[in-house]
């Protein structure tokens, strides 16, 4: 009988290779799991680190934009345009860059917009500011020595911040409306009138402390007429330091000329007979002599920005000449005259702005219309002239220290320009391009100069 023997190996007696092979699979699974978890952790760490870096860069860019607004605001205060740097040549500040732009909104208001870039961060902020009130313009229609209102003149008020001027309907409507025009003097005021053509002043008429108001009985005055308690001192005119570059003069009779925006200094501005000159804003112009001859026209265009015209030497304005404004915003045009003589505002023209001529006799002719304020050594308002005091010149609650007032602040959309579209450090990118960066304090752009 044959016996078959079956050898049975226990697990302990199994070959080592078999035992090792059976452990590889769970070990590999474990390694894969640990590797996957490690990769997920690393990716999450990198994403978190990138998010934190972006958050830091964004906050730095926000502060950079705020620095740009501060620099632009300071520029307005010192007589610059409010533009600092440009998208092509931004200003450098610390480890970032910014560029700020100023946009004239009219009515003495300017929008400042600043874009800050730091690392990969981007931010754009904007504020609206209002220029400080004109303390002399707040006087209304004022003369240091005398004021004379001839028969049939109209003097009332409006507020350019509330809307355009609306003519009075009917002869006496202004008597029941809350109007606050201002006619004042350090001396005597004379108001002539007649039954058929009465003079109408819808507001205050106040002579100086020792002065007297002489008025015809037919004159209409709706406000206070008591003398002022004190005289008003006339401040000196702060003339900008501008280099003189020659003359600004029209050609012979019939010639036309238009100035360039910016800060300009001239030995003489001459508008020859029957010719015309347009001064274009934004501009600050200083001239040692102003001569406007017979039939000539001098126009001031503040469509693109305010215009300040300073006359510091001699002045000669022919009674048949015309000085007018093209735009209707009294807060954007200023004519300041230190020269003695007679300043004629005549013809069928409109002047929207302020006139300050403390050493000149100012005459406002029949048919001439003023929106704003006029101050002179003496003031004569001839028959048929119309004067509208802009109450916005009084400033209301604006800062009395001469600095612009901030009306609003907001975050705005990033501009669609090349430098902003970069997703990495703009400062490094500009340096790699060979762009010479200017320090923020030196990157202010003058009035009338186009940013690079």
Protein backbone atom coordinates (compact mmCIF):
# COMPACT_ATOMS: atom_id res chain seq x y z
CA UNK A 1 0.00 0.00 0.00
CA UNK A 2 1.41 3.18 -1.12
CA UNK A 3 1.30 6.19 1.23
CA UNK A 4 1.34 9.76 -0.10
CA UNK A 5 2.83 12.34 2.24
CA UNK A 6 1.66 16.05 1.93
CA UNK A 7 4.04 18.49 3.31
CA UNK A 8 2.22 21.42 4.94
CA UNK A 9 4.25 24.50 5.62
CA UNK A 10 3.04 26.80 8.31
CA UNK A 11 3.04 30.53 7.78
CA UNK A 12 6.02 30.91 10.03
CA UNK A 13 7.95 28.50 7.89
CA UNK A 14 7.05 30.29 4.58
CA UNK A 15 9.90 31.72 2.56
CA UNK A 16 10.94 35.32 3.35
CA UNK A 17 10.24 36.51 -0.21
CA UNK A 18 6.61 35.56 0.05
CA UNK A 19 6.23 37.46 3.31
CA UNK A 20 7.91 40.54 1.87
CA UNK A 21 5.77 40.54 -1.24
CA UNK A 22 2.59 40.52 0.72
CA UNK A 23 3.65 43.73 2.63
CA UNK A 24 4.58 45.84 -0.42
CA UNK A 25 1.03 46.69 -1.48
CA UNK A 26 -0.15 48.30 1.78
CA UNK A 27 3.19 50.08 2.08
CA UNK A 28 2.82 51.54 -1.39
CA UNK A 29 -0.74 52.60 -0.64
CA UNK A 30 0.45 54.29 2.52
CA UNK A 31 3.25 56.09 0.66
CA UNK A 32 0.83 57.29 -2.03
CA UNK A 33 -1.59 58.57 0.61
CA UNK A 34 1.16 60.36 2.51
CA UNK A 35 2.60 61.83 -0.71
CA UNK A 36 -0.82 63.01 -1.85
CA UNK A 37 -1.54 64.60 1.50
CA UNK A 38 1.89 66.22 1.45
CA UNK A 39 1.31 67.62 -2.04
CA UNK A 40 -2.10 68.94 -1.00
CA UNK A 41 -0.57 70.52 2.08
CA UNK A 42 2.23 72.11 0.04
CA UNK A 43 -0.24 73.45 -2.53
CA UNK A 44 -2.46 74.83 0.19
CA UNK A 45 0.55 76.39 1.87
CA UNK A 46 1.71 77.96 -1.38
CA UNK A 47 -1.80 79.23 -2.13
CA UNK A 48 -2.14 80.61 1.37
CA UNK A 49 1.27 82.23 1.14
CA UNK A 50 0.36 83.75 -2.24
CA UNK A 51 -2.95 84.96 -0.83
CA UNK A 52 -1.19 86.53 2.13
CA UNK A 53 1.38 88.10 -0.18
CA UNK A 54 -1.39 89.50 -2.40
CA UNK A 55 -3.20 90.80 0.66
CA UNK A 56 -0.05 92.56 1.84
CA UNK A 57 0.66 93.96 -1.64
CA UNK A 58 -2.94 95.13 -2.01
CA UNK A 59 -2.80 96.90 1.32
CA UNK A 60 0.52 98.51 0.39
CA UNK A 61 -0.92 99.59 -2.96
CA UNK A 62 -3.88 101.13 -1.11
CA UNK A 63 -1.49 103.13 1.07
CA UNK A 64 0.47 104.04 -2.06
CA UNK A 65 -2.70 105.43 -3.67
CA UNK A 66 -3.41 107.41 -0.49
CA UNK A 67 0.10 108.85 -0.68
CA UNK A 68 -0.63 109.89 -4.26
CA UNK A 69 -3.82 111.68 -3.19
CA UNK A 70 -1.93 113.51 -0.45
CA UNK A 71 0.75 114.59 -2.90
CA UNK A 72 -1.85 115.77 -5.45
CA UNK A 73 -3.79 117.66 -2.77
CA UNK A 74 -0.60 119.35 -1.63
CA UNK A 75 0.11 120.27 -5.24
CA UNK A 76 -3.21 122.10 -5.49
CA UNK A 77 -2.39 123.98 -2.29
CA UNK A 78 0.94 125.25 -3.65
CA UNK A 79 -0.43 126.27 -7.05
CA UNK A 80 0.33 123.17 -9.11
CA UNK A 81 -2.16 121.42 -11.36
CA UNK A 82 -2.80 118.45 -9.05
CA UNK A 83 -1.32 116.01 -11.59
CA UNK A 84 1.59 113.97 -10.23
CA UNK A 85 3.50 111.63 -12.53
CA UNK A 86 1.66 109.76 -15.28
CA UNK A 87 0.83 106.22 -16.34
CA UNK A 88 3.93 106.23 -18.56
CA UNK A 89 6.23 107.82 -15.98
CA UNK A 90 4.76 107.24 -12.52
CA UNK A 91 6.25 108.78 -9.41
CA UNK A 92 8.28 106.57 -7.09
CA UNK A 93 7.44 106.43 -3.40
CA UNK A 94 9.17 103.96 -1.05
CA UNK A 95 8.99 100.48 -2.68
CA UNK A 96 6.14 101.32 -5.06
CA UNK A 97 4.91 103.83 -7.61
CA UNK A 98 1.78 105.94 -8.16
CA UNK A 99 0.32 108.44 -10.59
CA UNK A 100 -2.37 111.03 -9.80
CA UNK A 101 -4.63 112.99 -12.14
CA UNK A 102 -6.70 116.14 -11.55
CA UNK A 103 -9.98 116.71 -13.40
CA UNK A 104 -11.75 120.08 -13.30
CA UNK A 105 -15.44 119.63 -12.52
CA UNK A 106 -16.42 123.30 -12.56
CA UNK A 107 -17.83 125.40 -9.72
CA UNK A 108 -14.39 125.44 -8.11
CA UNK A 109 -14.32 121.66 -7.67
CA UNK A 110 -11.57 119.23 -8.70
CA UNK A 111 -11.54 115.43 -8.75
CA UNK A 112 -8.20 113.91 -7.76
CA UNK A 113 -7.65 110.28 -8.73
CA UNK A 114 -4.59 108.30 -7.62
CA UNK A 115 -3.49 104.80 -8.65
CA UNK A 116 -0.97 103.04 -6.42
CA UNK A 117 1.11 99.99 -7.40
CA UNK A 118 3.21 97.92 -5.02
CA UNK A 119 4.40 94.42 -5.84
CA UNK A 120 1.42 92.72 -7.45
CA UNK A 121 -1.04 94.96 -5.61
CA UNK A 122 -3.12 97.64 -7.36
CA UNK A 123 -5.50 100.26 -5.92
CA UNK A 124 -7.20 103.42 -7.20
CA UNK A 125 -8.72 106.06 -4.94
CA UNK A 126 -10.48 109.33 -5.69
CA UNK A 127 -11.46 112.45 -3.78
CA UNK A 128 -13.41 115.56 -4.76
CA UNK A 129 -12.10 118.84 -3.36
CA UNK A 130 -13.46 122.35 -3.44
CA UNK A 131 -11.17 125.33 -3.64
CA UNK A 132 -11.10 127.74 -0.72
CA UNK A 133 -13.50 130.69 -0.79
CA UNK A 134 -12.38 134.00 -2.21
CA UNK A 135 -12.35 136.32 0.82
CA UNK A 136 -12.37 139.41 -1.39
CA UNK A 137 -14.97 137.95 -3.73
CA UNK A 138 -17.15 137.35 -0.67
CA UNK A 139 -17.51 141.15 -0.38
CA UNK A 140 -19.65 141.20 -3.51
CA UNK A 141 -19.56 144.56 -5.27
CA UNK A 142 -17.29 146.74 -3.18
CA UNK A 143 -15.33 149.99 -3.40
CA UNK A 144 -12.77 151.23 -0.91
CA UNK A 145 -13.48 154.93 -1.57
CA UNK A 146 -16.89 155.16 -3.25
CA UNK A 147 -19.65 153.23 -4.98
CA UNK A 148 -22.06 154.80 -7.46
CA UNK A 149 -25.10 153.00 -8.88
CA UNK A 150 -26.69 154.81 -11.80
CA UNK A 151 -30.36 154.83 -12.77
CA UNK A 152 -31.80 151.55 -14.00
CA UNK A 153 -29.01 149.24 -12.80
CA UNK A 154 -29.91 145.76 -11.53
CA UNK A 155 -27.97 144.02 -8.75
CA UNK A 156 -29.10 140.65 -7.42
CA UNK A 157 -27.62 137.27 -6.46
CA UNK A 158 -27.66 133.54 -7.14
CA UNK A 159 -25.63 130.49 -6.11
CA UNK A 160 -23.67 128.75 -8.86
CA UNK A 161 -23.49 125.60 -6.70
CA UNK A 162 -27.28 125.35 -6.79
CA UNK A 163 -27.56 125.91 -10.54
CA UNK A 164 -27.30 128.55 -13.25
CA UNK A 165 -28.63 132.05 -12.85
CA UNK A 166 -32.36 132.42 -13.50
CA UNK A 167 -33.48 135.93 -14.47
CA UNK A 168 -36.12 137.56 -12.31
CA UNK A 169 -39.65 137.34 -13.63
CA UNK A 170 -41.34 140.68 -13.15
CA UNK A 171 -39.94 143.83 -11.72
CA UNK A 172 -40.46 143.21 -8.00
CA UNK A 173 -40.17 139.42 -7.68
CA UNK A 174 -36.76 139.78 -6.06
CA UNK A 175 -38.36 141.72 -3.21
CA UNK A 176 -40.05 138.56 -1.93
CA UNK A 177 -37.26 136.09 -2.74
CA UNK A 178 -34.46 135.23 -0.29
CA UNK A 179 -31.68 137.03 -2.16
CA UNK A 180 -28.48 138.20 -0.53
CA UNK A 181 -26.46 140.34 -2.89
CA UNK A 182 -23.81 142.51 -1.28
CA UNK A 183 -22.99 146.10 -2.17
CA UNK A 184 -20.49 147.70 0.19
CA UNK A 185 -17.97 150.47 0.62
CA UNK A 186 -15.56 151.90 3.15
CA UNK A 187 -16.95 155.33 2.21
CA UNK A 188 -20.17 156.66 0.70
CA UNK A 189 -22.61 154.82 -1.56
CA UNK A 190 -24.86 156.65 -4.03
CA UNK A 191 -27.86 154.95 -5.63
CA UNK A 192 -29.52 156.98 -8.37
CA UNK A 193 -32.96 156.04 -9.63
CA UNK A 194 -36.10 157.27 -11.37
CA UNK A 195 -39.79 156.42 -11.49
CA UNK A 196 -39.67 154.93 -14.98
CA UNK A 197 -36.32 153.13 -14.60
CA UNK A 198 -35.74 152.40 -10.93
CA UNK A 199 -32.49 150.90 -9.72
CA UNK A 200 -33.03 147.51 -8.10
CA UNK A 201 -30.74 146.02 -5.48
CA UNK A 202 -32.01 142.77 -3.97
CA UNK A 203 -29.84 142.53 -0.88
CA UNK A 204 -27.66 144.66 1.40
CA UNK A 205 -26.26 148.10 0.61
CA UNK A 206 -23.91 149.13 3.39
CA UNK A 207 -21.61 152.19 3.41
CA UNK A 208 -18.51 152.48 5.58
CA UNK A 209 -18.51 153.17 9.33
CA UNK A 210 -18.49 156.94 8.77
CA UNK A 211 -20.04 156.79 5.30
CA UNK A 212 -23.55 157.60 4.11
CA UNK A 213 -26.02 155.94 1.76
CA UNK A 214 -27.45 158.49 -0.67
CA UNK A 215 -30.48 157.03 -2.46
CA UNK A 216 -33.36 158.28 -4.53
CA UNK A 217 -36.78 157.44 -3.15
CA UNK A 218 -37.61 155.27 -6.16
CA UNK A 219 -34.60 153.01 -5.65
CA UNK A 220 -35.50 149.46 -4.56
CA UNK A 221 -33.24 148.04 -1.83
CA UNK A 222 -34.48 144.92 -0.05
CA UNK A 223 -31.68 144.30 2.45
CA UNK A 224 -29.83 146.10 5.23
CA UNK A 225 -28.67 149.67 4.71
CA UNK A 226 -26.99 150.43 8.05
CA UNK A 227 -23.32 151.47 7.93
CA UNK A 228 -20.75 148.77 8.53
CA UNK A 229 -19.20 148.59 11.97
CA UNK A 230 -15.65 148.58 10.61
CA UNK A 231 -13.72 149.26 7.43
CA UNK A 232 -12.58 146.38 5.25
CA UNK A 233 -8.80 146.25 4.71
CA UNK A 234 -7.69 145.36 1.20
CA UNK A 235 -5.00 142.66 1.16
CA UNK A 236 -2.07 142.88 -1.19
CA UNK A 237 -2.12 140.69 -4.29
CA UNK A 238 0.15 137.67 -4.07
CA UNK A 239 1.87 137.69 -7.46
CA UNK A 240 3.21 134.30 -8.62
CA UNK A 241 6.91 134.15 -9.38
CA UNK A 242 6.86 133.67 -13.15
CA UNK A 243 9.66 134.24 -15.65
CA UNK A 244 8.89 136.88 -18.30
CA UNK A 245 9.20 135.51 -21.85
CA UNK A 246 8.23 138.50 -24.04
CA UNK A 247 4.95 139.99 -25.29
CA UNK A 248 1.58 138.48 -26.04
CA UNK A 249 0.16 140.69 -28.73
CA UNK A 250 -2.29 140.40 -31.58
CA UNK A 251 -1.33 141.38 -35.10
CA UNK A 252 -2.66 144.49 -36.80
CA UNK A 253 -6.33 145.42 -36.88
CA UNK A 254 -8.58 142.41 -37.24
CA UNK A 255 -6.00 139.91 -36.01
CA UNK A 256 -6.92 136.93 -33.85
CA UNK A 257 -4.72 135.18 -31.31
CA UNK A 258 -5.12 132.40 -28.78
CA UNK A 259 -2.76 131.84 -25.87
CA UNK A 260 -1.41 128.45 -24.79
CA UNK A 261 -2.40 126.99 -21.41
CA UNK A 262 0.10 126.99 -18.57
CA UNK A 263 2.03 129.37 -16.36
CA UNK A 264 3.18 132.34 -18.43
CA UNK A 265 4.86 135.69 -17.80
CA UNK A 266 4.74 138.58 -20.30
CA UNK A 267 6.15 142.07 -20.47
CA UNK A 268 2.95 143.18 -22.18
CA UNK A 269 -0.40 141.84 -23.30
CA UNK A 270 -1.66 143.98 -26.17
CA UNK A 271 -4.96 143.52 -27.97
CA UNK A 272 -4.73 145.93 -30.86
CA UNK A 273 -7.69 147.83 -32.39
CA UNK A 274 -10.53 145.61 -33.65
CA UNK A 275 -8.51 142.45 -32.95
CA UNK A 276 -9.24 139.65 -30.47
CA UNK A 277 -7.27 137.60 -27.96
CA UNK A 278 -8.48 134.46 -26.21
CA UNK A 279 -6.72 133.38 -23.01
CA UNK A 280 -7.17 129.62 -22.63
CA UNK A 281 -7.11 127.77 -19.34
CA UNK A 282 -5.88 126.19 -17.30
CA UNK A 283 -3.52 129.15 -17.01
CA UNK A 284 -1.76 131.47 -14.62
CA UNK A 285 -0.67 134.58 -16.50
CA UNK A 286 1.32 137.51 -15.15
CA UNK A 287 1.81 140.63 -17.28
CA UNK A 288 3.53 143.91 -16.53
CA UNK A 289 1.19 145.81 -18.84
CA UNK A 290 -2.28 145.24 -20.23
CA UNK A 291 -3.41 147.31 -23.21
CA UNK A 292 -6.76 146.67 -24.84
CA UNK A 293 -7.39 149.17 -27.63
CA UNK A 294 -10.55 150.52 -29.28
CA UNK A 295 -12.93 147.88 -30.56
CA UNK A 296 -10.67 145.08 -29.32
CA UNK A 297 -11.94 141.94 -27.57
CA UNK A 298 -10.21 140.09 -24.74
CA UNK A 299 -11.88 136.76 -23.94
CA UNK A 300 -11.09 134.30 -21.14
CA UNK A 301 -11.89 130.63 -21.75
CA UNK A 302 -11.87 128.46 -18.62
CA UNK A 303 -13.52 125.44 -20.26
CA UNK A 304 -10.57 123.15 -19.56
CA UNK A 305 -9.42 124.72 -16.31
CA UNK A 306 -9.28 127.91 -14.24
CA UNK A 307 -7.63 131.11 -15.43
CA UNK A 308 -5.86 133.63 -13.20
CA UNK A 309 -4.74 136.86 -14.88
CA UNK A 310 -2.45 139.23 -12.94
CA UNK A 311 -1.71 142.78 -14.14
CA UNK A 312 1.17 144.18 -12.09
CA UNK A 313 2.34 147.28 -13.95
CA UNK A 314 0.31 149.59 -16.17
CA UNK A 315 -3.15 149.15 -17.59
CA UNK A 316 -5.05 150.84 -20.40
CA UNK A 317 -8.55 149.64 -21.35
CA UNK A 318 -10.34 151.63 -24.04
CA UNK A 319 -14.03 152.31 -23.20
CA UNK A 320 -15.03 150.71 -26.52
CA UNK A 321 -13.05 147.51 -25.84
CA UNK A 322 -14.66 144.34 -24.51
CA UNK A 323 -13.44 142.02 -21.77
CA UNK A 324 -15.56 138.88 -21.44
CA UNK A 325 -15.53 135.23 -20.44
CA UNK A 326 -16.39 132.29 -22.66
CA UNK A 327 -17.53 129.99 -19.85
CA UNK A 328 -20.16 130.58 -17.18
CA UNK A 329 -18.38 129.51 -14.00
CA UNK A 330 -17.47 132.53 -11.80
CA UNK A 331 -15.29 130.38 -9.55
CA UNK A 332 -12.85 129.60 -12.37
CA UNK A 333 -11.89 133.09 -13.57
CA UNK A 334 -9.93 135.66 -11.60
CA UNK A 335 -8.67 139.06 -12.80
CA UNK A 336 -6.33 140.73 -10.30
CA UNK A 337 -4.89 144.18 -11.02
CA UNK A 338 -2.29 146.00 -8.94
CA UNK A 339 -1.92 148.75 -11.55
CA UNK A 340 -3.64 152.11 -11.06
CA UNK A 341 -5.88 153.62 -13.70
CA UNK A 342 -9.38 152.90 -14.95
CA UNK A 343 -10.65 149.41 -15.66
CA UNK A 344 -13.57 149.58 -18.12
CA UNK A 345 -15.90 146.61 -18.33
CA UNK A 346 -18.08 147.69 -21.23
CA UNK A 347 -20.06 146.53 -24.23
CA UNK A 348 -22.82 143.96 -24.52
CA UNK A 349 -20.74 141.22 -22.90
CA UNK A 350 -20.77 138.85 -19.94
CA UNK A 351 -18.01 138.42 -17.39
CA UNK A 352 -18.25 135.38 -15.11
CA UNK A 353 -15.57 135.63 -12.47
CA UNK A 354 -14.04 137.89 -9.86
CA UNK A 355 -12.29 141.21 -10.39
CA UNK A 356 -9.95 142.62 -7.75
CA UNK A 357 -8.37 145.99 -8.56
CA UNK A 358 -7.63 147.74 -5.24
CA UNK A 359 -5.80 150.68 -6.91
CA UNK A 360 -8.05 151.16 -9.95
CA UNK A 361 -11.35 152.86 -10.67
CA UNK A 362 -13.66 150.17 -12.02
CA UNK A 363 -16.48 151.18 -14.36
CA UNK A 364 -19.15 148.70 -15.40
CA UNK A 365 -20.82 149.97 -18.54
CA UNK A 366 -24.42 149.96 -19.70
CA UNK A 367 -25.39 146.58 -21.12
CA UNK A 368 -22.49 144.79 -19.42
CA UNK A 369 -23.35 141.81 -17.21
CA UNK A 370 -21.26 140.45 -14.34
CA UNK A 371 -21.69 137.07 -12.65
CA UNK A 372 -19.44 136.91 -9.59
CA UNK A 373 -17.94 139.85 -7.71
CA UNK A 374 -16.04 143.10 -8.37
CA UNK A 375 -13.83 145.08 -6.00
CA UNK A 376 -12.04 148.33 -6.83
CA UNK A 377 -10.74 151.56 -5.40
CA UNK A 378 -13.98 153.06 -6.67
CA UNK A 379 -16.87 151.29 -8.34
CA UNK A 380 -19.26 152.88 -10.83
CA UNK A 381 -22.21 150.83 -12.06
CA UNK A 382 -23.68 152.61 -15.04
CA UNK A 383 -27.30 152.71 -16.15
CA UNK A 384 -28.53 149.41 -17.55
CA UNK A 385 -25.70 147.30 -16.14
CA UNK A 386 -26.60 143.97 -14.55
CA UNK A 387 -24.62 142.51 -11.67
CA UNK A 388 -25.28 139.09 -10.16
CA UNK A 389 -23.37 138.23 -6.99
CA UNK A 390 -22.42 134.55 -6.78
CA UNK A 391 -23.14 133.46 -3.21
CA UNK A 392 -20.78 130.49 -3.67
CA UNK A 393 -17.91 132.99 -3.40
CA UNK A 394 -18.82 133.51 0.24
CA UNK A 395 -17.65 129.95 0.83
CA UNK A 396 -20.31 128.90 3.33
CA UNK A 397 -18.70 126.28 5.58
CA UNK A 398 -15.53 126.04 3.50
CA UNK A 399 -12.19 126.17 5.26
CA UNK A 400 -11.25 129.73 6.19
CA UNK A 401 -7.51 128.96 6.18
CA UNK A 402 -7.26 128.92 2.39
CA UNK A 403 -6.85 125.18 1.87
CA UNK A 404 -9.29 123.28 -0.37
CA UNK A 405 -12.09 121.39 1.33
CA UNK A 406 -12.54 117.62 0.78
CA UNK A 407 -16.11 116.84 -0.25
CA UNK A 408 -15.95 113.09 -0.82
CA UNK A 409 -13.72 109.99 -0.92
CA UNK A 410 -14.17 106.65 -2.65
CA UNK A 411 -12.49 103.58 -4.13
CA UNK A 412 -12.81 103.53 -7.92
CA UNK A 413 -12.18 101.03 -10.69
CA UNK A 414 -8.61 100.48 -11.79
CA UNK A 415 -7.70 102.30 -15.01
CA UNK A 416 -7.16 100.11 -18.06
CA UNK A 417 -3.54 100.99 -18.76
CA UNK A 418 -0.47 98.85 -19.43
CA UNK A 419 1.33 99.44 -16.16
CA UNK A 420 -1.72 98.42 -14.13
CA UNK A 421 -2.35 95.26 -16.16
CA UNK A 422 1.03 93.79 -15.13
CA UNK A 423 0.59 90.98 -12.60
CA UNK A 424 4.02 91.35 -11.05
CA UNK A 425 6.10 94.09 -9.45
CA UNK A 426 5.55 97.30 -11.45
CA UNK A 427 8.60 99.00 -9.93
CA UNK A 428 10.89 96.20 -11.14
CA UNK A 429 9.18 96.14 -14.56
CA UNK A 430 9.74 99.87 -15.05
CA UNK A 431 13.39 99.59 -14.06
CA UNK A 432 13.85 96.66 -16.45
CA UNK A 433 12.42 98.86 -19.23
CA UNK A 434 14.98 101.55 -18.48
CA UNK A 435 12.41 104.09 -17.24
CA UNK A 436 13.98 106.76 -15.02
CA UNK A 437 11.68 107.09 -12.04
CA UNK A 438 11.18 110.47 -10.37
CA UNK A 439 10.72 110.91 -6.66
CA UNK A 440 7.13 111.81 -5.76
CA UNK A 441 8.01 115.26 -4.39
CA UNK A 442 9.59 116.20 -7.73
CA UNK A 443 6.90 114.71 -9.98
CA UNK A 444 4.32 117.52 -9.74
CA UNK A 445 3.12 118.84 -13.10
CA UNK A 446 2.57 122.55 -13.61
CA UNK A 447 -0.73 124.07 -14.70
CA UNK A 448 -1.32 123.67 -18.42
CA UNK A 449 1.46 121.11 -18.94
CA UNK A 450 0.43 117.78 -20.48
CA UNK A 451 1.62 114.78 -18.41
CA UNK A 452 4.30 112.70 -20.19
